[in-house]
Protein backbone atom coordinates (compact mmCIF):
# COMPACT_ATOMS: atom_id res chain seq x y z
CA MET A 1 -15.57 11.05 11.98
CA VAL A 2 -16.02 8.97 15.01
CA ALA A 3 -19.38 7.30 13.58
CA PHE A 4 -16.87 5.83 10.52
CA PHE A 5 -14.41 4.67 12.65
CA LYS A 6 -16.94 2.41 14.68
CA ARG A 7 -18.19 1.08 11.42
CA HIS A 8 -14.62 0.43 10.14
CA PRO A 9 -12.59 -0.30 13.56
CA LEU A 10 -9.98 -1.96 11.34
CA THR A 11 -9.10 1.02 9.33
CA PHE A 12 -8.40 3.01 13.01
CA VAL A 13 -6.24 0.09 13.50
CA GLN A 14 -4.61 0.54 9.72
CA ILE A 15 -4.02 4.31 10.37
CA LEU A 16 -2.40 4.10 13.69
CA ILE A 17 -0.01 1.06 12.83
CA TRP A 18 1.04 3.59 9.72
CA GLN A 19 1.44 6.66 11.89
CA LEU A 20 3.63 4.56 14.21
CA TYR A 21 5.57 2.95 11.48
CA TYR A 22 6.05 6.41 9.78
CA LEU A 23 6.98 7.63 13.53
CA VAL A 24 9.54 4.98 14.42
CA GLY A 25 11.27 5.16 10.99
CA ILE A 26 11.59 8.89 11.48
CA LEU A 27 12.98 9.00 14.52
CA TYR A 28 15.21 6.08 14.26
CA TYR A 29 16.98 7.46 10.91
CA GLN A 30 16.90 10.90 12.25
CA ALA A 31 18.84 10.05 15.05
CA VAL A 32 21.43 7.36 13.40
CA GLU A 33 21.64 8.85 9.88
CA GLY A 34 21.18 12.55 10.80
CA TRP A 35 18.44 12.93 8.05
CA THR A 36 15.89 15.45 7.70
CA THR A 37 12.32 14.91 8.30
CA GLN A 38 11.36 14.80 4.50
CA GLN A 39 14.34 12.51 3.61
CA CYS A 40 13.21 10.10 6.27
CA ILE A 41 9.57 9.96 5.04
CA TYR A 42 11.01 9.50 1.37
CA PHE A 43 13.44 6.55 2.12
CA ILE A 44 10.71 4.94 4.26
CA THR A 45 8.20 5.51 1.32
CA VAL A 46 10.86 4.17 -1.35
CA THR A 47 11.99 1.51 0.76
CA PHE A 48 8.59 -0.01 1.61
CA SER A 49 7.24 0.32 -1.76
CA THR A 50 10.43 -1.75 -2.88
CA VAL A 51 11.41 0.86 -5.38
CA GLY A 52 14.31 1.49 -3.82
CA TYR A 53 15.93 4.62 -5.97
CA GLY A 54 19.16 4.67 -4.06
CA GLN A 55 19.55 8.13 -3.51
CA PHE A 56 19.65 7.66 0.06
CA GLY A 57 20.72 4.02 2.35
CA PRO A 58 21.78 3.27 5.81
CA THR A 59 25.67 3.59 6.33
CA THR A 60 26.05 1.55 9.69
CA ASP A 61 25.52 -1.86 10.18
CA ASP A 62 22.83 -1.18 12.85
CA SER A 63 21.41 1.07 10.83
CA ARG A 64 21.24 -1.76 8.45
CA VAL A 65 19.87 -4.55 10.18
CA PHE A 66 17.30 -2.25 11.23
CA THR A 67 16.45 -1.16 8.07
CA ALA A 68 16.39 -4.77 6.88
CA PHE A 69 13.69 -5.39 9.17
CA TYR A 70 11.75 -2.36 9.06
CA CYS A 71 11.30 -3.28 5.29
CA VAL A 72 10.07 -6.44 5.86
CA PHE A 73 7.65 -4.91 8.31
CA GLY A 74 6.48 -2.18 6.08
CA ILE A 75 5.91 -4.59 3.29
CA VAL A 76 3.90 -6.73 5.02
CA CYS A 77 1.77 -3.71 6.34
CA VAL A 78 1.39 -2.32 2.43
CA LEU A 79 0.40 -5.29 1.46
CA THR A 80 -2.33 -6.17 3.83
CA SER A 81 -3.68 -2.58 3.79
CA ILE A 82 -3.87 -2.89 -0.31
CA ASN A 83 -5.50 -6.38 0.42
CA ARG A 84 -7.99 -5.13 2.79
CA ALA A 85 -9.03 -2.18 0.66
CA ALA A 86 -9.11 -3.98 -2.76
CA SER A 87 -11.23 -6.52 -1.02
CA ARG A 88 -13.92 -4.18 0.68
CA TRP A 89 -13.83 -2.31 -2.90
CA LEU A 90 -14.20 -5.67 -4.83
CA ILE A 91 -17.05 -6.86 -2.69
CA ARG A 92 -18.73 -3.67 -2.82
CA LEU A 93 -18.32 -3.47 -6.76
CA GLN A 94 -19.60 -7.08 -7.13
CA VAL A 95 -22.19 -6.62 -4.73
CA ARG A 96 -23.80 -3.23 -6.56
CA ALA A 97 -22.88 -4.46 -10.54
CA CYS A 98 -23.77 -8.16 -10.04
CA LEU A 99 -20.39 -8.90 -11.57
CA CYS A 100 -19.42 -12.63 -12.06
CA ALA A 101 -16.56 -14.58 -10.22
CA ALA A 102 -13.83 -13.99 -13.52
CA CYS A 103 -15.04 -10.28 -13.40
CA VAL A 104 -14.16 -9.59 -9.65
CA LEU A 105 -10.73 -11.37 -10.51
CA LEU A 106 -10.06 -9.49 -13.37
CA VAL A 107 -11.13 -6.39 -11.21
CA PHE A 108 -8.77 -7.63 -8.67
CA TYR A 109 -5.77 -8.29 -10.35
CA CYS A 110 -5.94 -4.98 -12.18
CA VAL A 111 -6.21 -3.43 -8.87
CA CYS A 112 -2.92 -4.95 -7.75
CA CYS A 113 -0.99 -4.45 -10.95
CA LEU A 114 -1.10 -0.53 -10.84
CA CYS A 115 2.50 -0.57 -11.45
CA CYS A 116 2.58 1.61 -14.55
CA LEU A 117 0.26 3.86 -17.09
CA CYS A 118 0.45 1.51 -19.25
CA CYS A 119 -0.72 -0.95 -17.28
CA LEU A 120 -3.29 1.05 -15.87
CA CYS A 121 -4.71 1.99 -19.36
CA CYS A 122 -4.99 -1.89 -20.01
CA CYS A 123 -6.85 -2.62 -17.00
CA TYR A 124 -9.03 0.09 -17.21
CA LEU A 125 -9.75 -1.18 -20.92
CA CYS A 126 -10.13 -4.46 -19.63
CA THR A 127 -12.42 -3.72 -16.76
CA CYS A 128 -14.74 -1.57 -19.18
CA LEU A 129 -15.03 -4.54 -21.69
CA CYS A 130 -15.69 -7.43 -18.73
CA LEU A 131 -18.48 -4.92 -17.51
CA CYS A 132 -20.14 -4.31 -20.45
CA LEU A 133 -20.00 -8.01 -21.19
CA CYS A 134 -21.33 -8.78 -18.19
CA MET A 135 -24.51 -6.39 -17.89
């Protein structure tokens, strides 16, 4: 485990940031809103992923202000982590499979658009077709 983090120091930092992000949110929402740990984790995940089901929400003005800034920070962290993970994966994919630049862009687009099952199936088919055409 230690050797992995020595080779990938940014991964350790990302994990640490995520743990701190959740810890701060859990402590704040438990203290201010009186939610359980599970409710806090659910709210944090739904909020920073921009889904927003609406079951839970901040009730005080201070909590709303905190949540606004907390969400922005969470969204930035999510996008940064997805970007770094997708970039590493695509570089490995391009090197191993010798994919053309258009295929890499298509695969990157598909990785970023995994929003629904329909899109997932479409991305899988497009990626398979693209891989077959380039080989």
